[in-house]
Amino acid sequence: MIQVIEALALSASEYMLTGSLVSSMQGEPRATHDIDIVVMATPESLKMFLSNFSPDDYYYNEDVALRAMDSGAMFNIISNTGDKVDIWPLTGSEFDQTRFSRKHQVEFFGMQMNVSSPEDTILMKLLWSKRSGGSEKQLFDAAKVYEMQEDILDGEYLSSWIEKLGLEERFAAMQKFLS
């Protein structure tokens, strides 16, 4: 992960960590072998970013990555140890733009890293649960972030986006995981 963050800095690409790694920071830690990163990059900065990963140690396809960034699709980089980085391009959707603008820095592994806000981590976990047909793991992660961050959550922001994204049912289902 440190190499990925350093490569993003070298390529001057703006980024935000999200997914299970961030929900583990903000909620209950759990093992994960993938890192989810939202990236705002140009084709040139993406090529520069990818050039930091040796083909002997990592698998990726530059053409696939460039097409994915252009179309708003995800692509990944996989290390020869099996660890995977899922790169999600920053889209023009209102929610994507809003959550990206709300990212903040935390120190992790001795480095400053941009991570999603706790509210946006919860919302994305609820979205992933909805998109995957009701994943309980996503709901559990969302509930633990909610529990651990409850005192600082922006309730109005959270409620507003739950409604806008149609996540009322997923939010209600998450409640069973709260202590």
N, C-alpha and C. Protein backbone atom coordinates (compact mmCIF):
# COMPACT_ATOMS: atom_id res chain seq x y z
N MET A 1 0.82 -1.19 0.00
CA MET A 1 0.00 0.00 0.00
C MET A 1 0.87 1.26 0.00
N ILE A 2 1.94 1.23 0.74
CA ILE A 2 2.81 2.40 0.80
C ILE A 2 3.34 2.73 -0.59
N GLN A 3 3.72 1.70 -1.35
CA GLN A 3 4.22 1.94 -2.72
C GLN A 3 3.14 2.58 -3.58
N VAL A 4 1.89 2.18 -3.40
CA VAL A 4 0.79 2.74 -4.19
C VAL A 4 0.62 4.22 -3.87
N ILE A 5 0.62 4.57 -2.58
CA ILE A 5 0.46 5.97 -2.17
C ILE A 5 1.62 6.80 -2.66
N GLU A 6 2.83 6.28 -2.54
CA GLU A 6 4.01 7.00 -3.04
C GLU A 6 3.93 7.20 -4.55
N ALA A 7 3.48 6.17 -5.27
CA ALA A 7 3.37 6.27 -6.73
C ALA A 7 2.32 7.30 -7.12
N LEU A 8 1.23 7.37 -6.38
CA LEU A 8 0.22 8.39 -6.65
C LEU A 8 0.79 9.79 -6.43
N ALA A 9 1.56 9.95 -5.36
CA ALA A 9 2.17 11.26 -5.08
C ALA A 9 3.15 11.64 -6.19
N LEU A 10 3.96 10.69 -6.64
CA LEU A 10 4.94 10.96 -7.70
C LEU A 10 4.26 11.33 -9.01
N SER A 11 3.08 10.78 -9.25
CA SER A 11 2.39 11.04 -10.52
C SER A 11 1.48 12.27 -10.44
N ALA A 12 1.43 12.89 -9.27
CA ALA A 12 0.60 14.08 -9.05
C ALA A 12 -0.88 13.79 -9.29
N SER A 13 -1.29 12.57 -8.95
CA SER A 13 -2.70 12.18 -9.08
C SER A 13 -3.40 12.37 -7.73
N GLU A 14 -4.54 13.03 -7.75
CA GLU A 14 -5.32 13.14 -6.53
C GLU A 14 -6.01 11.81 -6.30
N TYR A 15 -6.14 11.42 -5.03
CA TYR A 15 -6.72 10.12 -4.71
C TYR A 15 -7.46 10.16 -3.38
N MET A 16 -8.22 9.10 -3.13
CA MET A 16 -8.90 8.91 -1.86
C MET A 16 -9.02 7.41 -1.63
N LEU A 17 -8.48 6.95 -0.51
CA LEU A 17 -8.66 5.56 -0.11
C LEU A 17 -10.09 5.38 0.37
N THR A 18 -10.66 4.23 0.08
CA THR A 18 -12.03 3.93 0.47
C THR A 18 -12.11 2.42 0.70
N GLY A 19 -13.29 1.88 0.84
CA GLY A 19 -13.48 0.44 0.94
C GLY A 19 -13.14 -0.14 2.30
N SER A 20 -12.81 -1.44 2.30
CA SER A 20 -12.62 -2.19 3.54
C SER A 20 -11.40 -1.72 4.34
N LEU A 21 -10.37 -1.26 3.66
CA LEU A 21 -9.21 -0.74 4.39
C LEU A 21 -9.64 0.45 5.24
N VAL A 22 -10.38 1.38 4.65
CA VAL A 22 -10.80 2.57 5.39
C VAL A 22 -11.86 2.22 6.44
N SER A 23 -12.77 1.32 6.12
CA SER A 23 -13.76 0.94 7.14
C SER A 23 -13.07 0.24 8.31
N SER A 24 -11.96 -0.42 8.07
CA SER A 24 -11.18 -1.01 9.16
C SER A 24 -10.49 0.05 10.01
N MET A 25 -10.09 1.15 9.38
CA MET A 25 -9.49 2.27 10.14
C MET A 25 -10.55 2.98 10.98
N GLN A 26 -11.74 3.14 10.40
CA GLN A 26 -12.78 3.95 11.02
C GLN A 26 -13.75 3.13 11.88
N GLY A 27 -13.73 1.81 11.71
CA GLY A 27 -14.67 0.95 12.42
C GLY A 27 -13.95 -0.20 13.09
N GLU A 28 -14.33 -1.40 12.71
CA GLU A 28 -13.71 -2.60 13.28
C GLU A 28 -12.70 -3.18 12.30
N PRO A 29 -11.45 -3.33 12.74
CA PRO A 29 -10.44 -3.87 11.83
C PRO A 29 -10.78 -5.29 11.38
N ARG A 30 -10.50 -5.55 10.10
CA ARG A 30 -10.62 -6.90 9.57
C ARG A 30 -9.61 -7.06 8.44
N ALA A 31 -9.26 -8.30 8.19
CA ALA A 31 -8.29 -8.59 7.14
C ALA A 31 -8.91 -8.32 5.77
N THR A 32 -8.11 -7.73 4.91
CA THR A 32 -8.52 -7.51 3.53
C THR A 32 -7.28 -7.59 2.64
N HIS A 33 -7.45 -8.16 1.48
CA HIS A 33 -6.31 -8.29 0.55
C HIS A 33 -6.44 -7.34 -0.62
N ASP A 34 -7.39 -6.43 -0.54
CA ASP A 34 -7.48 -5.45 -1.62
C ASP A 34 -7.58 -4.06 -1.04
N ILE A 35 -7.15 -3.14 -1.83
CA ILE A 35 -7.19 -1.72 -1.48
C ILE A 35 -8.04 -1.05 -2.55
N ASP A 36 -9.02 -0.26 -2.13
CA ASP A 36 -9.86 0.48 -3.07
C ASP A 36 -9.44 1.94 -3.04
N ILE A 37 -9.17 2.49 -4.21
CA ILE A 37 -8.73 3.88 -4.32
C ILE A 37 -9.50 4.56 -5.44
N VAL A 38 -10.08 5.73 -5.11
CA VAL A 38 -10.68 6.58 -6.12
C VAL A 38 -9.59 7.54 -6.58
N VAL A 39 -9.40 7.64 -7.88
CA VAL A 39 -8.29 8.44 -8.43
C VAL A 39 -8.80 9.43 -9.46
N MET A 40 -8.27 10.64 -9.38
CA MET A 40 -8.50 11.64 -10.41
C MET A 40 -7.16 11.78 -11.13
N ALA A 41 -7.11 11.29 -12.36
CA ALA A 41 -5.83 11.27 -13.08
C ALA A 41 -6.04 11.60 -14.55
N THR A 42 -5.01 12.14 -15.14
CA THR A 42 -4.97 12.34 -16.58
C THR A 42 -4.32 11.10 -17.19
N PRO A 43 -4.44 10.90 -18.49
CA PRO A 43 -3.74 9.75 -19.09
C PRO A 43 -2.23 9.78 -18.80
N GLU A 44 -1.64 10.97 -18.82
CA GLU A 44 -0.20 11.08 -18.55
C GLU A 44 0.12 10.72 -17.11
N SER A 45 -0.67 11.23 -16.16
CA SER A 45 -0.37 10.92 -14.75
C SER A 45 -0.66 9.45 -14.45
N LEU A 46 -1.64 8.86 -15.13
CA LEU A 46 -1.92 7.44 -14.94
C LEU A 46 -0.75 6.60 -15.44
N LYS A 47 -0.20 6.94 -16.62
CA LYS A 47 0.96 6.22 -17.13
C LYS A 47 2.15 6.36 -16.17
N MET A 48 2.34 7.56 -15.63
CA MET A 48 3.43 7.79 -14.69
C MET A 48 3.22 6.94 -13.43
N PHE A 49 1.97 6.90 -12.95
CA PHE A 49 1.63 6.09 -11.77
C PHE A 49 1.97 4.62 -12.03
N LEU A 50 1.51 4.09 -13.15
CA LEU A 50 1.73 2.67 -13.46
C LEU A 50 3.20 2.34 -13.66
N SER A 51 3.99 3.30 -14.12
CA SER A 51 5.41 3.03 -14.37
C SER A 51 6.17 2.72 -13.08
N ASN A 52 5.56 2.96 -11.93
CA ASN A 52 6.20 2.66 -10.65
C ASN A 52 6.07 1.20 -10.24
N PHE A 53 5.38 0.40 -11.04
CA PHE A 53 5.14 -1.00 -10.68
C PHE A 53 5.83 -1.92 -11.69
N SER A 54 6.84 -2.63 -11.22
CA SER A 54 7.63 -3.52 -12.07
C SER A 54 6.78 -4.69 -12.55
N PRO A 55 6.83 -4.98 -13.86
CA PRO A 55 6.10 -6.13 -14.39
C PRO A 55 6.54 -7.46 -13.76
N ASP A 56 7.73 -7.48 -13.15
CA ASP A 56 8.19 -8.69 -12.47
C ASP A 56 7.44 -8.92 -11.15
N ASP A 57 6.93 -7.83 -10.58
CA ASP A 57 6.27 -7.92 -9.26
C ASP A 57 4.78 -7.64 -9.29
N TYR A 58 4.30 -7.03 -10.39
CA TYR A 58 2.89 -6.63 -10.46
C TYR A 58 2.32 -6.95 -11.83
N TYR A 59 1.00 -7.26 -11.83
CA TYR A 59 0.31 -7.43 -13.10
C TYR A 59 -0.67 -6.27 -13.27
N TYR A 60 -0.63 -5.66 -14.41
CA TYR A 60 -1.62 -4.66 -14.83
C TYR A 60 -1.49 -4.52 -16.33
N ASN A 61 -2.51 -3.96 -16.93
CA ASN A 61 -2.50 -3.74 -18.36
C ASN A 61 -2.75 -2.25 -18.58
N GLU A 62 -1.75 -1.56 -19.09
CA GLU A 62 -1.85 -0.11 -19.26
C GLU A 62 -3.00 0.28 -20.19
N ASP A 63 -3.20 -0.44 -21.27
CA ASP A 63 -4.30 -0.11 -22.18
C ASP A 63 -5.66 -0.27 -21.50
N VAL A 64 -5.82 -1.35 -20.75
CA VAL A 64 -7.06 -1.57 -20.00
C VAL A 64 -7.26 -0.44 -18.99
N ALA A 65 -6.18 -0.07 -18.31
CA ALA A 65 -6.26 0.99 -17.29
C ALA A 65 -6.68 2.32 -17.93
N LEU A 66 -6.11 2.66 -19.06
CA LEU A 66 -6.45 3.91 -19.74
C LEU A 66 -7.90 3.92 -20.22
N ARG A 67 -8.34 2.79 -20.78
CA ARG A 67 -9.75 2.69 -21.21
C ARG A 67 -10.69 2.76 -20.00
N ALA A 68 -10.31 2.12 -18.91
CA ALA A 68 -11.14 2.13 -17.70
C ALA A 68 -11.28 3.55 -17.17
N MET A 69 -10.19 4.27 -17.09
CA MET A 69 -10.25 5.64 -16.59
C MET A 69 -11.11 6.51 -17.50
N ASP A 70 -11.03 6.27 -18.78
CA ASP A 70 -11.80 7.05 -19.74
C ASP A 70 -13.30 6.75 -19.66
N SER A 71 -13.63 5.50 -19.37
CA SER A 71 -15.04 5.10 -19.36
C SER A 71 -15.67 5.10 -17.97
N GLY A 72 -14.87 5.37 -16.94
CA GLY A 72 -15.40 5.37 -15.58
C GLY A 72 -15.46 3.99 -14.95
N ALA A 73 -14.75 3.03 -15.53
CA ALA A 73 -14.75 1.67 -14.99
C ALA A 73 -13.54 1.45 -14.08
N MET A 74 -13.62 0.42 -13.27
CA MET A 74 -12.53 0.07 -12.36
C MET A 74 -11.51 -0.81 -13.08
N PHE A 75 -10.23 -0.69 -12.68
CA PHE A 75 -9.21 -1.62 -13.12
C PHE A 75 -8.36 -1.96 -11.91
N ASN A 76 -7.51 -2.97 -12.03
CA ASN A 76 -6.70 -3.29 -10.87
C ASN A 76 -5.25 -3.57 -11.21
N ILE A 77 -4.48 -3.51 -10.14
CA ILE A 77 -3.06 -3.85 -10.15
C ILE A 77 -2.94 -4.99 -9.15
N ILE A 78 -2.32 -6.09 -9.56
CA ILE A 78 -2.22 -7.25 -8.68
C ILE A 78 -0.74 -7.58 -8.47
N SER A 79 -0.36 -7.68 -7.20
CA SER A 79 1.03 -8.03 -6.90
C SER A 79 1.22 -9.53 -7.04
N ASN A 80 2.48 -9.94 -7.18
CA ASN A 80 2.74 -11.37 -7.30
C ASN A 80 2.50 -12.11 -5.98
N THR A 81 2.22 -11.38 -4.90
CA THR A 81 1.86 -12.00 -3.62
C THR A 81 0.34 -12.16 -3.51
N GLY A 82 -0.40 -11.66 -4.51
CA GLY A 82 -1.85 -11.80 -4.52
C GLY A 82 -2.61 -10.59 -4.00
N ASP A 83 -1.90 -9.60 -3.47
CA ASP A 83 -2.58 -8.38 -3.03
C ASP A 83 -3.06 -7.62 -4.25
N LYS A 84 -4.22 -6.96 -4.09
CA LYS A 84 -4.84 -6.32 -5.24
C LYS A 84 -5.21 -4.88 -4.90
N VAL A 85 -4.98 -3.99 -5.83
CA VAL A 85 -5.39 -2.60 -5.72
C VAL A 85 -6.46 -2.37 -6.77
N ASP A 86 -7.66 -2.00 -6.32
CA ASP A 86 -8.75 -1.66 -7.24
C ASP A 86 -8.74 -0.15 -7.41
N ILE A 87 -8.54 0.31 -8.63
CA ILE A 87 -8.50 1.72 -8.95
C ILE A 87 -9.84 2.11 -9.58
N TRP A 88 -10.52 3.03 -8.92
CA TRP A 88 -11.81 3.54 -9.38
C TRP A 88 -11.62 4.97 -9.85
N PRO A 89 -11.91 5.27 -11.10
CA PRO A 89 -11.77 6.66 -11.55
C PRO A 89 -12.84 7.54 -10.90
N LEU A 90 -12.48 8.75 -10.60
CA LEU A 90 -13.44 9.72 -10.08
C LEU A 90 -14.42 10.02 -11.21
N THR A 91 -15.70 9.79 -10.95
CA THR A 91 -16.71 10.05 -11.97
C THR A 91 -17.30 11.44 -11.78
N GLY A 92 -18.14 11.84 -12.70
CA GLY A 92 -18.78 13.14 -12.62
C GLY A 92 -20.08 13.13 -11.82
N SER A 93 -20.44 11.98 -11.23
CA SER A 93 -21.69 11.92 -10.46
C SER A 93 -21.61 12.87 -9.27
N GLU A 94 -22.76 13.40 -8.90
CA GLU A 94 -22.81 14.34 -7.77
C GLU A 94 -22.26 13.70 -6.50
N PHE A 95 -22.65 12.46 -6.24
CA PHE A 95 -22.17 11.80 -5.03
C PHE A 95 -20.66 11.58 -5.07
N ASP A 96 -20.14 11.09 -6.19
CA ASP A 96 -18.70 10.86 -6.31
C ASP A 96 -17.92 12.16 -6.11
N GLN A 97 -18.38 13.22 -6.76
CA GLN A 97 -17.70 14.52 -6.63
C GLN A 97 -17.77 15.03 -5.18
N THR A 98 -18.92 14.87 -4.55
CA THR A 98 -19.10 15.35 -3.18
C THR A 98 -18.21 14.58 -2.22
N ARG A 99 -18.25 13.25 -2.30
CA ARG A 99 -17.45 12.47 -1.35
C ARG A 99 -15.95 12.68 -1.56
N PHE A 100 -15.55 12.88 -2.82
CA PHE A 100 -14.13 13.14 -3.08
C PHE A 100 -13.70 14.47 -2.48
N SER A 101 -14.60 15.46 -2.53
CA SER A 101 -14.27 16.78 -1.97
C SER A 101 -14.21 16.76 -0.44
N ARG A 102 -14.78 15.73 0.18
CA ARG A 102 -14.82 15.63 1.64
C ARG A 102 -13.70 14.74 2.21
N LYS A 103 -12.83 14.24 1.35
CA LYS A 103 -11.74 13.38 1.84
C LYS A 103 -10.88 14.16 2.83
N HIS A 104 -10.23 13.45 3.71
CA HIS A 104 -9.34 14.10 4.67
C HIS A 104 -8.10 13.24 4.89
N GLN A 105 -7.08 13.84 5.46
CA GLN A 105 -5.82 13.12 5.67
C GLN A 105 -5.78 12.49 7.05
N VAL A 106 -5.22 11.27 7.07
CA VAL A 106 -4.93 10.59 8.32
C VAL A 106 -3.52 10.01 8.21
N GLU A 107 -2.92 9.76 9.35
CA GLU A 107 -1.62 9.09 9.34
C GLU A 107 -1.86 7.60 9.52
N PHE A 108 -1.29 6.82 8.63
CA PHE A 108 -1.43 5.38 8.66
C PHE A 108 -0.15 4.79 8.12
N PHE A 109 0.40 3.80 8.78
CA PHE A 109 1.69 3.22 8.40
C PHE A 109 2.78 4.30 8.31
N GLY A 110 2.68 5.33 9.16
CA GLY A 110 3.68 6.38 9.19
C GLY A 110 3.61 7.35 8.03
N MET A 111 2.52 7.30 7.25
CA MET A 111 2.36 8.18 6.09
C MET A 111 1.04 8.94 6.20
N GLN A 112 1.01 10.12 5.59
CA GLN A 112 -0.24 10.85 5.46
C GLN A 112 -0.98 10.30 4.23
N MET A 113 -2.24 9.94 4.43
CA MET A 113 -3.04 9.38 3.33
C MET A 113 -4.40 10.06 3.30
N ASN A 114 -4.93 10.22 2.08
CA ASN A 114 -6.27 10.77 1.91
C ASN A 114 -7.28 9.64 2.01
N VAL A 115 -8.26 9.78 2.91
CA VAL A 115 -9.28 8.75 3.09
C VAL A 115 -10.66 9.38 3.01
N SER A 116 -11.65 8.55 2.73
CA SER A 116 -13.02 9.03 2.69
C SER A 116 -13.49 9.38 4.09
N SER A 117 -14.45 10.28 4.18
CA SER A 117 -15.03 10.63 5.47
C SER A 117 -15.80 9.42 5.99
N PRO A 118 -16.00 9.33 7.32
CA PRO A 118 -16.77 8.21 7.86
C PRO A 118 -18.18 8.11 7.25
N GLU A 119 -18.83 9.25 7.04
CA GLU A 119 -20.16 9.23 6.44
C GLU A 119 -20.12 8.60 5.04
N ASP A 120 -19.13 8.99 4.26
CA ASP A 120 -19.01 8.48 2.90
C ASP A 120 -18.59 7.01 2.88
N THR A 121 -17.81 6.59 3.87
CA THR A 121 -17.47 5.18 3.99
C THR A 121 -18.74 4.37 4.24
N ILE A 122 -19.58 4.85 5.15
CA ILE A 122 -20.85 4.17 5.45
C ILE A 122 -21.72 4.12 4.21
N LEU A 123 -21.86 5.25 3.53
CA LEU A 123 -22.71 5.30 2.34
C LEU A 123 -22.23 4.35 1.25
N MET A 124 -20.92 4.29 1.02
CA MET A 124 -20.41 3.38 -0.01
C MET A 124 -20.60 1.93 0.39
N LYS A 125 -20.44 1.61 1.66
CA LYS A 125 -20.67 0.24 2.12
C LYS A 125 -22.15 -0.14 1.91
N LEU A 126 -23.05 0.80 2.18
CA LEU A 126 -24.47 0.55 1.94
C LEU A 126 -24.75 0.38 0.45
N LEU A 127 -24.12 1.20 -0.38
CA LEU A 127 -24.28 1.07 -1.84
C LEU A 127 -23.76 -0.28 -2.33
N TRP A 128 -22.58 -0.69 -1.85
CA TRP A 128 -22.02 -1.97 -2.28
C TRP A 128 -22.91 -3.12 -1.81
N SER A 129 -23.50 -2.99 -0.63
CA SER A 129 -24.43 -4.02 -0.17
C SER A 129 -25.64 -4.09 -1.10
N LYS A 130 -26.17 -2.94 -1.47
CA LYS A 130 -27.33 -2.90 -2.37
C LYS A 130 -26.97 -3.50 -3.73
N ARG A 131 -25.83 -3.11 -4.27
CA ARG A 131 -25.42 -3.56 -5.61
C ARG A 131 -25.09 -5.05 -5.64
N SER A 132 -24.67 -5.59 -4.50
CA SER A 132 -24.29 -7.01 -4.46
C SER A 132 -25.44 -7.91 -4.03
N GLY A 133 -26.63 -7.35 -3.92
CA GLY A 133 -27.78 -8.16 -3.55
C GLY A 133 -27.93 -8.36 -2.06
N GLY A 134 -27.31 -7.50 -1.26
CA GLY A 134 -27.54 -7.55 0.18
C GLY A 134 -26.37 -8.07 1.00
N SER A 135 -25.16 -7.87 0.56
CA SER A 135 -23.98 -8.37 1.28
C SER A 135 -24.01 -7.96 2.75
N GLU A 136 -24.01 -8.97 3.62
CA GLU A 136 -24.00 -8.72 5.06
C GLU A 136 -22.64 -8.20 5.52
N LYS A 137 -21.56 -8.60 4.85
CA LYS A 137 -20.23 -8.12 5.23
C LYS A 137 -20.16 -6.60 5.06
N GLN A 138 -20.74 -6.09 3.98
CA GLN A 138 -20.76 -4.64 3.75
C GLN A 138 -21.59 -3.93 4.83
N LEU A 139 -22.74 -4.53 5.17
CA LEU A 139 -23.59 -3.95 6.22
C LEU A 139 -22.89 -3.95 7.56
N PHE A 140 -22.19 -5.04 7.87
CA PHE A 140 -21.45 -5.13 9.13
C PHE A 140 -20.38 -4.03 9.19
N ASP A 141 -19.62 -3.89 8.09
CA ASP A 141 -18.58 -2.85 8.05
C ASP A 141 -19.20 -1.46 8.26
N ALA A 142 -20.31 -1.20 7.57
CA ALA A 142 -20.98 0.10 7.71
C ALA A 142 -21.42 0.33 9.15
N ALA A 143 -21.98 -0.70 9.77
CA ALA A 143 -22.46 -0.58 11.15
C ALA A 143 -21.32 -0.29 12.11
N LYS A 144 -20.18 -0.91 11.91
CA LYS A 144 -19.06 -0.71 12.82
C LYS A 144 -18.46 0.69 12.66
N VAL A 145 -18.44 1.20 11.43
CA VAL A 145 -18.00 2.59 11.24
C VAL A 145 -19.00 3.52 11.92
N TYR A 146 -20.27 3.27 11.72
CA TYR A 146 -21.32 4.08 12.35
C TYR A 146 -21.16 4.09 13.86
N GLU A 147 -20.95 2.92 14.45
CA GLU A 147 -20.79 2.80 15.91
C GLU A 147 -19.57 3.56 16.42
N MET A 148 -18.44 3.34 15.76
CA MET A 148 -17.18 3.93 16.23
C MET A 148 -17.10 5.44 15.99
N GLN A 149 -17.81 5.94 14.98
CA GLN A 149 -17.72 7.34 14.61
C GLN A 149 -18.98 8.14 14.96
N GLU A 150 -19.93 7.51 15.62
CA GLU A 150 -21.25 8.10 15.84
C GLU A 150 -21.19 9.52 16.42
N ASP A 151 -20.26 9.76 17.33
CA ASP A 151 -20.18 11.08 17.97
C ASP A 151 -19.77 12.20 17.02
N ILE A 152 -19.12 11.85 15.92
CA ILE A 152 -18.65 12.90 15.01
C ILE A 152 -19.36 12.90 13.66
N LEU A 153 -20.28 11.95 13.44
CA LEU A 153 -20.96 11.87 12.15
C LEU A 153 -21.85 13.08 11.90
N ASP A 154 -21.88 13.51 10.65
CA ASP A 154 -22.78 14.57 10.22
C ASP A 154 -24.09 13.88 9.82
N GLY A 155 -25.03 13.83 10.76
CA GLY A 155 -26.29 13.12 10.57
C GLY A 155 -27.11 13.66 9.42
N GLU A 156 -27.12 14.99 9.24
CA GLU A 156 -27.89 15.58 8.14
C GLU A 156 -27.33 15.15 6.79
N TYR A 157 -26.02 15.18 6.67
CA TYR A 157 -25.38 14.75 5.43
C TYR A 157 -25.71 13.29 5.15
N LEU A 158 -25.55 12.45 6.17
CA LEU A 158 -25.80 11.02 6.02
C LEU A 158 -27.25 10.76 5.62
N SER A 159 -28.19 11.36 6.32
CA SER A 159 -29.62 11.17 6.02
C SER A 159 -29.97 11.64 4.61
N SER A 160 -29.42 12.78 4.23
CA SER A 160 -29.70 13.34 2.91
C SER A 160 -29.26 12.38 1.80
N TRP A 161 -28.04 11.85 1.91
CA TRP A 161 -27.53 10.96 0.87
C TRP A 161 -28.17 9.58 0.93
N ILE A 162 -28.57 9.11 2.11
CA ILE A 162 -29.30 7.84 2.19
C ILE A 162 -30.57 7.96 1.35
N GLU A 163 -31.25 9.10 1.48
CA GLU A 163 -32.48 9.31 0.70
C GLU A 163 -32.17 9.47 -0.79
N LYS A 164 -31.18 10.32 -1.13
CA LYS A 164 -30.85 10.56 -2.54
C LYS A 164 -30.42 9.29 -3.26
N LEU A 165 -29.73 8.42 -2.54
CA LEU A 165 -29.19 7.20 -3.16
C LEU A 165 -30.13 6.00 -3.01
N GLY A 166 -31.27 6.22 -2.37
CA GLY A 166 -32.24 5.13 -2.19
C GLY A 166 -31.73 4.01 -1.30
N LEU A 167 -31.08 4.38 -0.21
CA LEU A 167 -30.45 3.40 0.67
C LEU A 167 -31.20 3.18 1.98
N GLU A 168 -32.45 3.62 2.05
CA GLU A 168 -33.21 3.50 3.30
C GLU A 168 -33.29 2.04 3.76
N GLU A 169 -33.57 1.13 2.83
CA GLU A 169 -33.69 -0.28 3.18
C GLU A 169 -32.36 -0.85 3.67
N ARG A 170 -31.28 -0.48 3.01
CA ARG A 170 -29.95 -0.97 3.42
C ARG A 170 -29.56 -0.40 4.78
N PHE A 171 -29.89 0.88 5.02
CA PHE A 171 -29.58 1.50 6.31
C PHE A 171 -30.36 0.80 7.42
N ALA A 172 -31.62 0.49 7.17
CA ALA A 172 -32.44 -0.21 8.16
C ALA A 172 -31.86 -1.61 8.42
N ALA A 173 -31.43 -2.30 7.36
CA ALA A 173 -30.84 -3.64 7.51
C ALA A 173 -29.52 -3.58 8.29
N MET A 174 -28.79 -2.48 8.18
CA MET A 174 -27.53 -2.30 8.90
C MET A 174 -27.74 -2.27 10.40
N GLN A 175 -28.92 -1.78 10.82
CA GLN A 175 -29.19 -1.57 12.24
C GLN A 175 -29.02 -2.85 13.07
N LYS A 176 -29.26 -4.01 12.48
CA LYS A 176 -29.16 -5.27 13.25
C LYS A 176 -27.73 -5.56 13.69
N PHE A 177 -26.75 -4.90 13.08
CA PHE A 177 -25.37 -5.11 13.44
C PHE A 177 -24.86 -4.15 14.51
N LEU A 178 -25.70 -3.19 14.90
CA LEU A 178 -25.30 -2.23 15.92
C LEU A 178 -25.40 -2.89 17.29
N SER A 179 -24.43 -2.63 18.14
CA SER A 179 -24.44 -3.22 19.50
C SER A 179 -25.52 -2.63 20.36
